C-alpha atoms as a PDB file:
ATOM      1  CA  MET A   1     -33.950 -27.620  46.906  1.00  0.00           C
ATOM      2  CA  PHE A   2     -30.161 -27.912  46.796  1.00  0.00           C
ATOM      3  CA  ASN A   3     -29.408 -24.198  47.195  1.00  0.00           C
ATOM      4  CA  THR A   4     -27.823 -24.844  50.601  1.00  0.00           C
ATOM      5  CA  LEU A   5     -25.467 -27.406  49.097  1.00  0.00           C
ATOM      6  CA  GLU A   6     -24.625 -25.152  46.147  1.00  0.00           C
ATOM      7  CA  ASN A   7     -23.836 -22.251  48.494  1.00  0.00           C
ATOM      8  CA  THR A   8     -21.659 -24.498  50.664  1.00  0.00           C
ATOM      9  CA  LEU A   9     -19.662 -25.603  47.625  1.00  0.00           C
ATOM     10  CA  LYS A  10     -19.149 -21.967  46.600  1.00  0.00           C
ATOM     11  CA  ASP A  11     -18.034 -21.142  50.145  1.00  0.00           C
ATOM     12  CA  LEU A  12     -15.461 -23.935  49.831  1.00  0.00           C
ATOM     13  CA  GLY A  13     -14.006 -22.263  46.744  1.00  0.00           C
ATOM     14  CA  ALA A  14     -16.015 -23.622  43.816  1.00  0.00           C
ATOM     15  CA  THR A  15     -15.911 -21.092  41.004  1.00  0.00           C
ATOM     16  CA  ARG A  16     -19.042 -22.519  39.376  1.00  0.00           C
ATOM     17  CA  VAL A  17     -21.770 -24.889  40.521  1.00  0.00           C
ATOM     18  CA  LYS A  18     -24.446 -26.277  38.219  1.00  0.00           C
ATOM     19  CA  SER A  19     -27.162 -28.828  38.902  1.00  0.00           C
ATOM     20  CA  ILE A  20     -28.609 -31.281  36.403  1.00  0.00           C
ATOM     21  CA  LYS A  21     -31.798 -33.103  37.337  1.00  0.00           C
ATOM     22  CA  SER A  22     -32.599 -36.480  35.806  1.00  0.00           C
ATOM     23  CA  ASP A  23     -35.084 -39.231  36.585  1.00  0.00           C
ATOM     24  CA  GLU A  24     -32.461 -41.149  38.581  1.00  0.00           C
ATOM     25  CA  CYS A  25     -30.812 -38.384  40.589  1.00  0.00           C
ATOM     26  CA  THR A  26     -29.632 -34.788  40.677  1.00  0.00           C
ATOM     27  CA  ILE A  27     -26.005 -34.199  39.742  1.00  0.00           C
ATOM     28  CA  LEU A  28     -24.218 -31.153  41.100  1.00  0.00           C
ATOM     29  CA  ILE A  29     -21.149 -30.144  39.121  1.00  0.00           C
ATOM     30  CA  ALA A  30     -18.687 -28.134  41.183  1.00  0.00           C
ATOM     31  CA  GLU A  31     -15.704 -26.587  39.433  1.00  0.00           C
ATOM     32  CA  PHE A  32     -12.708 -25.833  41.614  1.00  0.00           C
ATOM     33  CA  GLN A  33      -9.392 -24.368  40.477  1.00  0.00           C
ATOM     34  CA  ASP A  34      -7.705 -27.743  39.989  1.00  0.00           C
ATOM     35  CA  GLU A  35     -10.589 -30.226  39.577  1.00  0.00           C
ATOM     36  CA  ILE A  36     -14.250 -30.662  38.728  1.00  0.00           C
ATOM     37  CA  TYR A  37     -16.247 -32.754  41.192  1.00  0.00           C
ATOM     38  CA  LEU A  38     -19.520 -34.526  40.491  1.00  0.00           C
ATOM     39  CA  ILE A  39     -21.983 -34.990  43.327  1.00  0.00           C
ATOM     40  CA  SER A  40     -24.940 -37.277  42.755  1.00  0.00           C
ATOM     41  CA  VAL A  41     -27.860 -36.863  45.139  1.00  0.00           C
ATOM     42  CA  THR A  42     -30.815 -39.239  45.390  1.00  0.00           C
ATOM     43  CA  LYS A  43     -33.656 -39.273  47.872  1.00  0.00           C
ATOM     44  CA  GLY A  44     -34.518 -42.744  49.144  1.00  0.00           C
ATOM     45  CA  HIS A  45     -37.712 -44.406  48.012  1.00  0.00           C
ATOM     46  CA  LEU A  46     -38.394 -46.317  51.226  1.00  0.00           C
ATOM     47  CA  THR A  47     -36.986 -43.703  53.586  1.00  0.00           C
ATOM     48  CA  ASP A  48     -36.598 -39.947  53.416  1.00  0.00           C
ATOM     49  CA  LYS A  49     -32.810 -40.130  53.599  1.00  0.00           C
ATOM     50  CA  PHE A  50     -30.533 -38.559  51.017  1.00  0.00           C
ATOM     51  CA  VAL A  51     -27.823 -40.704  49.438  1.00  0.00           C
ATOM     52  CA  SER A  52     -24.969 -38.823  47.831  1.00  0.00           C
ATOM     53  CA  LYS A  53     -21.669 -39.671  46.206  1.00  0.00           C
ATOM     54  CA  VAL A  54     -18.804 -37.287  45.471  1.00  0.00           C
ATOM     55  CA  VAL A  55     -16.348 -38.253  42.745  1.00  0.00           C
ATOM     56  CA  PRO A  56     -13.743 -36.338  40.701  1.00  0.00           C
ATOM     57  CA  SER A  57     -14.981 -35.969  37.116  1.00  0.00           C
ATOM     58  CA  SER A  58     -11.691 -37.377  35.821  1.00  0.00           C
ATOM     59  CA  LYS A  59     -12.534 -40.740  37.404  1.00  0.00           C
ATOM     60  CA  VAL A  60     -15.769 -41.402  35.470  1.00  0.00           C
ATOM     61  CA  TYR A  61     -16.377 -41.922  31.753  1.00  0.00           C
ATOM     62  CA  SER A  62     -19.719 -40.127  31.584  1.00  0.00           C
ATOM     63  CA  TRP A  63     -21.535 -37.705  33.833  1.00  0.00           C
ATOM     64  CA  SER A  64     -24.512 -39.950  34.541  1.00  0.00           C
ATOM     65  CA  CYS A  65     -26.051 -41.033  37.824  1.00  0.00           C
ATOM     66  CA  THR A  66     -25.312 -44.693  37.140  1.00  0.00           C
ATOM     67  CA  GLU A  67     -21.684 -44.063  36.198  1.00  0.00           C
ATOM     68  CA  ILE A  68     -21.094 -42.004  39.342  1.00  0.00           C
ATOM     69  CA  GLU A  69     -22.839 -44.550  41.577  1.00  0.00           C
ATOM     70  CA  TYR A  70     -20.910 -47.562  40.256  1.00  0.00           C
ATOM     71  CA  SER A  71     -17.529 -45.865  40.007  1.00  0.00           C
ATOM     72  CA  PRO A  72     -14.995 -47.434  42.398  1.00  0.00           C
ATOM     73  CA  TYR A  73     -13.784 -43.913  43.209  1.00  0.00           C
ATOM     74  CA  GLY A  74     -15.391 -41.313  45.444  1.00  0.00           C
ATOM     75  CA  LEU A  75     -17.084 -41.114  48.810  1.00  0.00           C
ATOM     76  CA  TYR A  76     -20.677 -41.688  49.913  1.00  0.00           C
ATOM     77  CA  ALA A  77     -22.656 -39.559  52.350  1.00  0.00           C
ATOM     78  CA  LEU A  78     -26.040 -40.375  53.910  1.00  0.00           C
ATOM     79  CA  ALA A  79     -28.185 -37.696  55.513  1.00  0.00           C
ATOM     80  CA  ASP A  80     -31.694 -36.913  56.745  1.00  0.00           C
ATOM     81  CA  SER A  81     -31.764 -33.387  55.267  1.00  0.00           C
ATOM     82  CA  VAL A  82     -29.998 -31.256  52.668  1.00  0.00           C
ATOM     83  CA  GLU A  83     -28.415 -29.232  55.471  1.00  0.00           C
ATOM     84  CA  GLU A  84     -26.964 -32.387  57.059  1.00  0.00           C
ATOM     85  CA  LEU A  85     -25.800 -33.587  53.659  1.00  0.00           C
ATOM     86  CA  SER A  86     -24.105 -30.253  53.079  1.00  0.00           C
ATOM     87  CA  SER A  87     -22.166 -30.541  56.336  1.00  0.00           C
ATOM     88  CA  LYS A  88     -21.160 -34.162  55.645  1.00  0.00           C
ATOM     89  CA  ILE A  89     -19.841 -33.438  52.169  1.00  0.00           C
ATOM     90  CA  THR A  90     -17.604 -30.675  53.471  1.00  0.00           C
END
């Protein structure tokens, strides 16, 4: 489902991209030369919108959906599709 987003991250220079699916969200781990970024992606329950947050891994204590969501660091992106989300994250 997130192949488009994974390919976009690789096009931006990520050397490795891995996704971890949990009950709460899907976390994409993108390793760049100088930093590892965590991207949590959740699909809304009341709407079909995607809610995503991008945060450097050095700014969270654990790589969990809750930790990423409540971290004061990072940026949110809202989108109607994975393709739109991919363009907003870049």
